[in-house]
Amino acid sequence: MRDVPDRAVFTVTRHDGQWAVEHSGEYFGHSIDKEVAKASANKRARAAQDSGRPCLVRVYGEQGYYGVTA
């Protein structure tokens, strides 16, 4: 079994009537524009990744696309 390192998870979600990024229980990057909050999450994730920490950005309410084969 592989040992999977802990990841820093940045979640874009609604908070106090705006979009924000949640990480470790703290909220930052508040904006009325979801794309601005996503950019803030990606910026922080990039900094974490550049320092050697694996990370993940999740966006609440958005799902990936899955191909269906017949």
PDB file of N, CA and C in Angstrom:
ATOM      1  N   MET A   1       0.836  -1.179   0.000  1.00  0.00           N
ATOM      2  CA  MET A   1       0.000   0.000   0.000  1.00  0.00           C
ATOM      3  C   MET A   1       0.882   1.244   0.000  1.00  0.00           C
ATOM      4  N   ARG A   2       0.538   2.203  -0.833  1.00  0.00           N
ATOM      5  CA  ARG A   2       1.314   3.438  -0.922  1.00  0.00           C
ATOM      6  C   ARG A   2       0.951   4.387   0.207  1.00  0.00           C
ATOM      7  N   ASP A   3       1.953   5.117   0.665  1.00  0.00           N
ATOM      8  CA  ASP A   3       1.729   6.143   1.675  1.00  0.00           C
ATOM      9  C   ASP A   3       1.457   7.457   0.952  1.00  0.00           C
ATOM     10  N   VAL A   4       0.229   7.971   1.087  1.00  0.00           N
ATOM     11  CA  VAL A   4      -0.158   9.202   0.406  1.00  0.00           C
ATOM     12  C   VAL A   4       0.096  10.377   1.348  1.00  0.00           C
ATOM     13  N   PRO A   5       0.897  11.352   0.915  1.00  0.00           N
ATOM     14  CA  PRO A   5       1.180  12.498   1.790  1.00  0.00           C
ATOM     15  C   PRO A   5      -0.062  13.358   1.997  1.00  0.00           C
ATOM     16  N   ASP A   6      -0.113  14.013   3.143  1.00  0.00           N
ATOM     17  CA  ASP A   6      -1.211  14.948   3.407  1.00  0.00           C
ATOM     18  C   ASP A   6      -1.164  16.063   2.390  1.00  0.00           C
ATOM     19  N   ARG A   7      -2.330  16.475   1.971  1.00  0.00           N
ATOM     20  CA  ARG A   7      -2.432  17.557   0.996  1.00  0.00           C
ATOM     21  C   ARG A   7      -3.029  18.787   1.659  1.00  0.00           C
ATOM     22  N   ALA A   8      -2.573  19.937   1.247  1.00  0.00           N
ATOM     23  CA  ALA A   8      -3.205  21.186   1.646  1.00  0.00           C
ATOM     24  C   ALA A   8      -4.431  21.338   0.749  1.00  0.00           C
ATOM     25  N   VAL A   9      -5.611  21.428   1.352  1.00  0.00           N
ATOM     26  CA  VAL A   9      -6.851  21.521   0.579  1.00  0.00           C
ATOM     27  C   VAL A   9      -7.399  22.945   0.686  1.00  0.00           C
ATOM     28  N   PHE A  10      -7.570  23.577  -0.469  1.00  0.00           N
ATOM     29  CA  PHE A  10      -8.138  24.917  -0.562  1.00  0.00           C
ATOM     30  C   PHE A  10      -9.503  24.769  -1.219  1.00  0.00           C
ATOM     31  N   THR A  11     -10.564  25.166  -0.501  1.00  0.00           N
ATOM     32  CA  THR A  11     -11.927  24.982  -0.997  1.00  0.00           C
ATOM     33  C   THR A  11     -12.577  26.332  -1.261  1.00  0.00           C
ATOM     34  N   VAL A  12     -13.025  26.539  -2.497  1.00  0.00           N
ATOM     35  CA  VAL A  12     -13.758  27.754  -2.859  1.00  0.00           C
ATOM     36  C   VAL A  12     -15.233  27.489  -2.547  1.00  0.00           C
ATOM     37  N   THR A  13     -15.806  28.319  -1.689  1.00  0.00           N
ATOM     38  CA  THR A  13     -17.175  28.107  -1.230  1.00  0.00           C
ATOM     39  C   THR A  13     -17.830  29.440  -0.872  1.00  0.00           C
ATOM     40  N   ARG A  14     -19.130  29.405  -0.625  1.00  0.00           N
ATOM     41  CA  ARG A  14     -19.826  30.619  -0.195  1.00  0.00           C
ATOM     42  C   ARG A  14     -19.556  30.846   1.298  1.00  0.00           C
ATOM     43  N   HIS A  15     -19.315  32.112   1.675  1.00  0.00           N
ATOM     44  CA  HIS A  15     -19.078  32.472   3.072  1.00  0.00           C
ATOM     45  C   HIS A  15     -19.478  33.931   3.276  1.00  0.00           C
ATOM     46  N   ASP A  16     -20.352  34.170   4.214  1.00  0.00           N
ATOM     47  CA  ASP A  16     -20.830  35.536   4.514  1.00  0.00           C
ATOM     48  C   ASP A  16     -21.374  36.240   3.277  1.00  0.00           C
ATOM     49  N   GLY A  17     -22.102  35.506   2.435  1.00  0.00           N
ATOM     50  CA  GLY A  17     -22.738  36.106   1.264  1.00  0.00           C
ATOM     51  C   GLY A  17     -21.815  36.363   0.087  1.00  0.00           C
ATOM     52  N   GLN A  18     -20.576  35.906   0.179  1.00  0.00           N
ATOM     53  CA  GLN A  18     -19.618  36.085  -0.907  1.00  0.00           C
ATOM     54  C   GLN A  18     -18.920  34.751  -1.173  1.00  0.00           C
ATOM     55  N   TRP A  19     -18.134  34.703  -2.221  1.00  0.00           N
ATOM     56  CA  TRP A  19     -17.267  33.563  -2.466  1.00  0.00           C
ATOM     57  C   TRP A  19     -15.989  33.774  -1.684  1.00  0.00           C
ATOM     58  N   ALA A  20     -15.441  32.690  -1.127  1.00  0.00           N
ATOM     59  CA  ALA A  20     -14.207  32.771  -0.352  1.00  0.00           C
ATOM     60  C   ALA A  20     -13.460  31.452  -0.471  1.00  0.00           C
ATOM     61  N   VAL A  21     -12.234  31.463   0.005  1.00  0.00           N
ATOM     62  CA  VAL A  21     -11.410  30.258   0.028  1.00  0.00           C
ATOM     63  C   VAL A  21     -11.253  29.826   1.478  1.00  0.00           C
ATOM     64  N   GLU A  22     -11.521  28.546   1.742  1.00  0.00           N
ATOM     65  CA  GLU A  22     -11.347  27.996   3.089  1.00  0.00           C
ATOM     66  C   GLU A  22     -10.128  27.089   3.084  1.00  0.00           C
ATOM     67  N   HIS A  23      -9.274  27.275   4.075  1.00  0.00           N
ATOM     68  CA  HIS A  23      -8.105  26.408   4.263  1.00  0.00           C
ATOM     69  C   HIS A  23      -7.847  26.296   5.755  1.00  0.00           C
ATOM     70  N   SER A  24      -7.883  25.073   6.266  1.00  0.00           N
ATOM     71  CA  SER A  24      -7.632  24.803   7.693  1.00  0.00           C
ATOM     72  C   SER A  24      -8.537  25.630   8.602  1.00  0.00           C
ATOM     73  N   GLY A  25      -9.784  25.807   8.205  1.00  0.00           N
ATOM     74  CA  GLY A  25     -10.755  26.521   9.028  1.00  0.00           C
ATOM     75  C   GLY A  25     -10.716  28.035   8.919  1.00  0.00           C
ATOM     76  N   GLU A  26      -9.805  28.572   8.119  1.00  0.00           N
ATOM     77  CA  GLU A  26      -9.708  30.024   7.928  1.00  0.00           C
ATOM     78  C   GLU A  26     -10.218  30.383   6.540  1.00  0.00           C
ATOM     79  N   TYR A  27     -10.874  31.538   6.446  1.00  0.00           N
ATOM     80  CA  TYR A  27     -11.406  32.024   5.179  1.00  0.00           C
ATOM     81  C   TYR A  27     -10.624  33.248   4.720  1.00  0.00           C
ATOM     82  N   PHE A  28     -10.349  33.312   3.427  1.00  0.00           N
ATOM     83  CA  PHE A  28      -9.647  34.455   2.848  1.00  0.00           C
ATOM     84  C   PHE A  28     -10.079  34.597   1.397  1.00  0.00           C
ATOM     85  N   GLY A  29      -9.654  35.652   0.748  1.00  0.00           N
ATOM     86  CA  GLY A  29      -9.938  35.860  -0.665  1.00  0.00           C
ATOM     87  C   GLY A  29     -11.402  36.118  -0.968  1.00  0.00           C
ATOM     88  N   HIS A  30     -12.116  36.768  -0.047  1.00  0.00           N
ATOM     89  CA  HIS A  30     -13.545  37.040  -0.250  1.00  0.00           C
ATOM     90  C   HIS A  30     -13.768  37.917  -1.485  1.00  0.00           C
ATOM     91  N   SER A  31     -14.797  37.543  -2.266  1.00  0.00           N
ATOM     92  CA  SER A  31     -15.147  38.304  -3.457  1.00  0.00           C
ATOM     93  C   SER A  31     -16.576  37.962  -3.864  1.00  0.00           C
ATOM     94  N   ILE A  32     -17.236  38.904  -4.515  1.00  0.00           N
ATOM     95  CA  ILE A  32     -18.562  38.601  -5.051  1.00  0.00           C
ATOM     96  C   ILE A  32     -18.443  37.791  -6.339  1.00  0.00           C
ATOM     97  N   ASP A  33     -17.253  37.779  -6.918  1.00  0.00           N
ATOM     98  CA  ASP A  33     -16.988  37.054  -8.160  1.00  0.00           C
ATOM     99  C   ASP A  33     -16.303  35.723  -7.853  1.00  0.00           C
ATOM    100  N   LYS A  34     -16.928  34.636  -8.232  1.00  0.00           N
ATOM    101  CA  LYS A  34     -16.393  33.302  -7.980  1.00  0.00           C
ATOM    102  C   LYS A  34     -15.021  33.112  -8.632  1.00  0.00           C
ATOM    103  N   GLU A  35     -14.825  33.674  -9.812  1.00  0.00           N
ATOM    104  CA  GLU A  35     -13.551  33.519 -10.520  1.00  0.00           C
ATOM    105  C   GLU A  35     -12.405  34.178  -9.759  1.00  0.00           C
ATOM    106  N   VAL A  36     -12.675  35.276  -9.078  1.00  0.00           N
ATOM    107  CA  VAL A  36     -11.637  35.952  -8.287  1.00  0.00           C
ATOM    108  C   VAL A  36     -11.246  35.071  -7.104  1.00  0.00           C
ATOM    109  N   ALA A  37     -12.225  34.456  -6.457  1.00  0.00           N
ATOM    110  CA  ALA A  37     -11.938  33.554  -5.342  1.00  0.00           C
ATOM    111  C   ALA A  37     -11.154  32.331  -5.830  1.00  0.00           C
ATOM    112  N   LYS A  38     -11.506  31.811  -7.000  1.00  0.00           N
ATOM    113  CA  LYS A  38     -10.775  30.679  -7.559  1.00  0.00           C
ATOM    114  C   LYS A  38      -9.326  31.059  -7.846  1.00  0.00           C
ATOM    115  N   ALA A  39      -9.100  32.251  -8.347  1.00  0.00           N
ATOM    116  CA  ALA A  39      -7.739  32.713  -8.621  1.00  0.00           C
ATOM    117  C   ALA A  39      -6.935  32.826  -7.320  1.00  0.00           C
ATOM    118  N   SER A  40      -7.581  33.294  -6.258  1.00  0.00           N
ATOM    119  CA  SER A  40      -6.919  33.400  -4.961  1.00  0.00           C
ATOM    120  C   SER A  40      -6.539  32.017  -4.436  1.00  0.00           C
ATOM    121  N   ALA A  41      -7.443  31.056  -4.586  1.00  0.00           N
ATOM    122  CA  ALA A  41      -7.157  29.681  -4.150  1.00  0.00           C
ATOM    123  C   ALA A  41      -5.991  29.103  -4.938  1.00  0.00           C
ATOM    124  N   ASN A  42      -5.988  29.312  -6.236  1.00  0.00           N
ATOM    125  CA  ASN A  42      -4.910  28.781  -7.070  1.00  0.00           C
ATOM    126  C   ASN A  42      -3.564  29.421  -6.746  1.00  0.00           C
ATOM    127  N   LYS A  43      -3.581  30.703  -6.410  1.00  0.00           N
ATOM    128  CA  LYS A  43      -2.341  31.394  -6.050  1.00  0.00           C
ATOM    129  C   LYS A  43      -1.750  30.805  -4.768  1.00  0.00           C
ATOM    130  N   ARG A  44      -2.603  30.590  -3.764  1.00  0.00           N
ATOM    131  CA  ARG A  44      -2.126  30.001  -2.508  1.00  0.00           C
ATOM    132  C   ARG A  44      -1.678  28.553  -2.708  1.00  0.00           C
ATOM    133  N   ALA A  45      -2.422  27.822  -3.532  1.00  0.00           N
ATOM    134  CA  ALA A  45      -2.055  26.430  -3.797  1.00  0.00           C
ATOM    135  C   ALA A  45      -0.712  26.361  -4.515  1.00  0.00           C
ATOM    136  N   ARG A  46      -0.481  27.248  -5.445  1.00  0.00           N
ATOM    137  CA  ARG A  46       0.789  27.279  -6.161  1.00  0.00           C
ATOM    138  C   ARG A  46       1.939  27.556  -5.197  1.00  0.00           C
ATOM    139  N   ALA A  47       1.739  28.484  -4.260  1.00  0.00           N
ATOM    140  CA  ALA A  47       2.775  28.785  -3.274  1.00  0.00           C
ATOM    141  C   ALA A  47       3.054  27.562  -2.398  1.00  0.00           C
ATOM    142  N   ALA A  48       2.004  26.850  -1.993  1.00  0.00           N
ATOM    143  CA  ALA A  48       2.182  25.641  -1.181  1.00  0.00           C
ATOM    144  C   ALA A  48       2.926  24.574  -1.975  1.00  0.00           C
ATOM    145  N   GLN A  49       2.549  24.421  -3.210  1.00  0.00           N
ATOM    146  CA  GLN A  49       3.190  23.414  -4.066  1.00  0.00           C
ATOM    147  C   GLN A  49       4.655  23.765  -4.312  1.00  0.00           C
ATOM    148  N   ASP A  50       4.935  25.033  -4.543  1.00  0.00           N
ATOM    149  CA  ASP A  50       6.318  25.460  -4.779  1.00  0.00           C
ATOM    150  C   ASP A  50       7.199  25.250  -3.551  1.00  0.00           C
ATOM    151  N   SER A  51       6.589  25.258  -2.353  1.00  0.00           N
ATOM    152  CA  SER A  51       7.364  25.017  -1.133  1.00  0.00           C
ATOM    153  C   SER A  51       7.473  23.532  -0.818  1.00  0.00           C
ATOM    154  N   GLY A  52       6.906  22.675  -1.701  1.00  0.00           N
ATOM    155  CA  GLY A  52       7.057  21.242  -1.545  1.00  0.00           C
ATOM    156  C   GLY A  52       5.883  20.520  -0.918  1.00  0.00           C
ATOM    157  N   ARG A  53       4.786  21.206  -0.675  1.00  0.00           N
ATOM    158  CA  ARG A  53       3.618  20.569  -0.060  1.00  0.00           C
ATOM    159  C   ARG A  53       2.575  20.244  -1.126  1.00  0.00           C
ATOM    160  N   PRO A  54       2.158  18.980  -1.224  1.00  0.00           N
ATOM    161  CA  PRO A  54       1.102  18.642  -2.176  1.00  0.00           C
ATOM    162  C   PRO A  54      -0.179  19.384  -1.826  1.00  0.00           C
ATOM    163  N   CYS A  55      -0.954  19.759  -2.824  1.00  0.00           N
ATOM    164  CA  CYS A  55      -2.168  20.516  -2.539  1.00  0.00           C
ATOM    165  C   CYS A  55      -3.268  20.170  -3.520  1.00  0.00           C
ATOM    166  N   LEU A  56      -4.467  20.625  -3.181  1.00  0.00           N
ATOM    167  CA  LEU A  56      -5.655  20.368  -3.964  1.00  0.00           C
ATOM    168  C   LEU A  56      -6.563  21.581  -3.856  1.00  0.00           C
ATOM    169  N   VAL A  57      -7.132  22.013  -4.988  1.00  0.00           N
ATOM    170  CA  VAL A  57      -8.115  23.099  -4.991  1.00  0.00           C
ATOM    171  C   VAL A  57      -9.459  22.478  -5.350  1.00  0.00           C
ATOM    172  N   ARG A  58     -10.445  22.667  -4.476  1.00  0.00           N
ATOM    173  CA  ARG A  58     -11.809  22.196  -4.727  1.00  0.00           C
ATOM    174  C   ARG A  58     -12.704  23.410  -4.875  1.00  0.00           C
ATOM    175  N   VAL A  59     -13.690  23.290  -5.748  1.00  0.00           N
ATOM    176  CA  VAL A  59     -14.652  24.375  -5.945  1.00  0.00           C
ATOM    177  C   VAL A  59     -16.034  23.823  -5.633  1.00  0.00           C
ATOM    178  N   TYR A  60     -16.664  24.349  -4.598  1.00  0.00           N
ATOM    179  CA  TYR A  60     -17.975  23.885  -4.183  1.00  0.00           C
ATOM    180  C   TYR A  60     -18.992  24.139  -5.295  1.00  0.00           C
ATOM    181  N   GLY A  61     -19.764  23.120  -5.605  1.00  0.00           N
ATOM    182  CA  GLY A  61     -20.810  23.269  -6.602  1.00  0.00           C
ATOM    183  C   GLY A  61     -20.372  22.965  -8.014  1.00  0.00           C
ATOM    184  N   GLU A  62     -19.102  22.626  -8.212  1.00  0.00           N
ATOM    185  CA  GLU A  62     -18.620  22.261  -9.541  1.00  0.00           C
ATOM    186  C   GLU A  62     -18.100  20.833  -9.477  1.00  0.00           C
ATOM    187  N   GLN A  63     -18.391  20.085 -10.518  1.00  0.00           N
ATOM    188  CA  GLN A  63     -17.919  18.710 -10.579  1.00  0.00           C
ATOM    189  C   GLN A  63     -17.160  18.518 -11.883  1.00  0.00           C
ATOM    190  N   GLY A  64     -16.312  17.530 -11.876  1.00  0.00           N
ATOM    191  CA  GLY A  64     -15.565  17.207 -13.085  1.00  0.00           C
ATOM    192  C   GLY A  64     -16.477  16.578 -14.113  1.00  0.00           C
ATOM    193  N   TYR A  65     -15.975  16.454 -15.315  1.00  0.00           N
ATOM    194  CA  TYR A  65     -16.728  15.824 -16.401  1.00  0.00           C
ATOM    195  C   TYR A  65     -16.246  14.393 -16.539  1.00  0.00           C
ATOM    196  N   TYR A  66     -17.177  13.491 -16.671  1.00  0.00           N
ATOM    197  CA  TYR A  66     -16.856  12.078 -16.792  1.00  0.00           C
ATOM    198  C   TYR A  66     -17.338  11.560 -18.120  1.00  0.00           C
ATOM    199  N   GLY A  67     -16.475  10.870 -18.822  1.00  0.00           N
ATOM    200  CA  GLY A  67     -16.851  10.282 -20.102  1.00  0.00           C
ATOM    201  C   GLY A  67     -17.617   8.984 -19.875  1.00  0.00           C
ATOM    202  N   VAL A  68     -18.600   8.759 -20.680  1.00  0.00           N
ATOM    203  CA  VAL A  68     -19.389   7.535 -20.606  1.00  0.00           C
ATOM    204  C   VAL A  68     -19.162   6.769 -21.887  1.00  0.00           C
ATOM    205  N   THR A  69     -18.768   5.519 -21.741  1.00  0.00           N
ATOM    206  CA  THR A  69     -18.561   4.696 -22.915  1.00  0.00           C
ATOM    207  C   THR A  69     -19.725   3.722 -23.044  1.00  0.00           C
ATOM    208  N   ALA A  70     -20.095   3.448 -24.276  1.00  0.00           N
ATOM    209  CA  ALA A  70     -21.222   2.531 -24.509  1.00  0.00           C
ATOM    210  C   ALA A  70     -20.735   1.149 -24.797  1.00  0.00           C
TER     211      ALA A  70
END
